[in-house]
Protein backbone atom coordinates (compact mmCIF):
# COMPACT_ATOMS: atom_id res chain seq x y z
CA UNK A 1 18.21 21.11 16.61
CA UNK A 2 16.48 19.29 13.78
CA UNK A 3 19.77 18.97 11.95
CA UNK A 4 21.29 17.11 14.88
CA UNK A 5 18.30 14.75 14.97
CA UNK A 6 18.85 13.95 11.30
CA UNK A 7 22.56 13.39 11.84
CA UNK A 8 21.94 11.02 14.74
CA UNK A 9 19.34 9.13 12.72
CA UNK A 10 21.64 8.79 9.72
CA UNK A 11 24.51 7.60 11.90
CA UNK A 12 22.29 5.01 13.53
CA UNK A 13 20.96 3.80 10.19
CA UNK A 14 24.49 3.60 8.78
CA UNK A 15 25.73 1.66 11.79
CA UNK A 16 22.96 -0.98 11.63
CA UNK A 17 22.90 -1.67 7.89
CA UNK A 18 21.29 -5.12 7.98
CA UNK A 19 18.44 -4.12 10.27
CA UNK A 20 17.86 -0.93 8.26
CA UNK A 21 17.70 -2.81 4.98
CA UNK A 22 15.29 -5.38 6.45
CA UNK A 23 13.05 -2.61 7.78
CA UNK A 24 13.02 -0.71 4.48
CA UNK A 25 12.37 -3.89 2.49
CA UNK A 26 9.51 -4.86 4.81
CA UNK A 27 7.99 -1.40 4.52
CA UNK A 28 8.19 -1.54 0.73
CA UNK A 29 6.57 -4.99 0.64
CA UNK A 30 3.78 -3.86 2.98
CA UNK A 31 2.98 -0.72 1.00
CA UNK A 32 3.05 -2.66 -2.29
CA UNK A 33 0.73 -5.38 -0.98
CA UNK A 34 -1.74 -2.81 0.34
CA UNK A 35 -1.73 -1.08 -3.04
CA UNK A 36 -2.32 -4.38 -4.86
CA UNK A 37 -5.22 -5.29 -2.55
CA UNK A 38 -6.74 -1.83 -3.09
CA UNK A 39 -6.42 -2.13 -6.87
CA UNK A 40 -7.97 -5.61 -6.92
CA UNK A 41 -10.91 -4.67 -4.70
CA UNK A 42 -11.61 -1.48 -6.64
CA UNK A 43 -11.60 -3.50 -9.86
CA UNK A 44 -13.93 -6.14 -8.45
CA UNK A 45 -16.35 -3.57 -7.07
CA UNK A 46 -16.48 -1.65 -10.35
CA UNK A 47 -17.65 -4.68 -12.35
CA UNK A 48 -21.10 -4.35 -13.99
CA UNK A 49 -21.43 -0.66 -13.12
CA UNK A 50 -21.73 0.37 -16.78
CA UNK A 51 -25.11 -1.29 -17.42
CA UNK A 52 -28.19 0.92 -17.71
CA UNK A 53 -30.33 -1.64 -15.81
CA UNK A 54 -27.89 -2.14 -12.94
CA UNK A 55 -30.49 -2.67 -10.21
CA UNK A 56 -32.44 -5.28 -12.20
CA UNK A 57 -29.35 -7.10 -13.40
CA UNK A 58 -29.22 -9.65 -10.57
CA UNK A 59 -32.89 -9.79 -9.60
CA UNK A 60 -35.14 -12.76 -10.45
CA UNK A 61 -38.06 -10.69 -11.68
């Protein structure tokens, strides 16, 4: 049963090559952009975490 689902899916993907390639390209761009945003935010949030006086670093006292 599962094998027939895979065969139908592959036939459909092979028949609509342009739409399949657009969908796969869009998915790759979306996953890559999410990964880049995650990496940038994790880098920005990790700044100044290595100081021993982290809590007093930005205070005025």
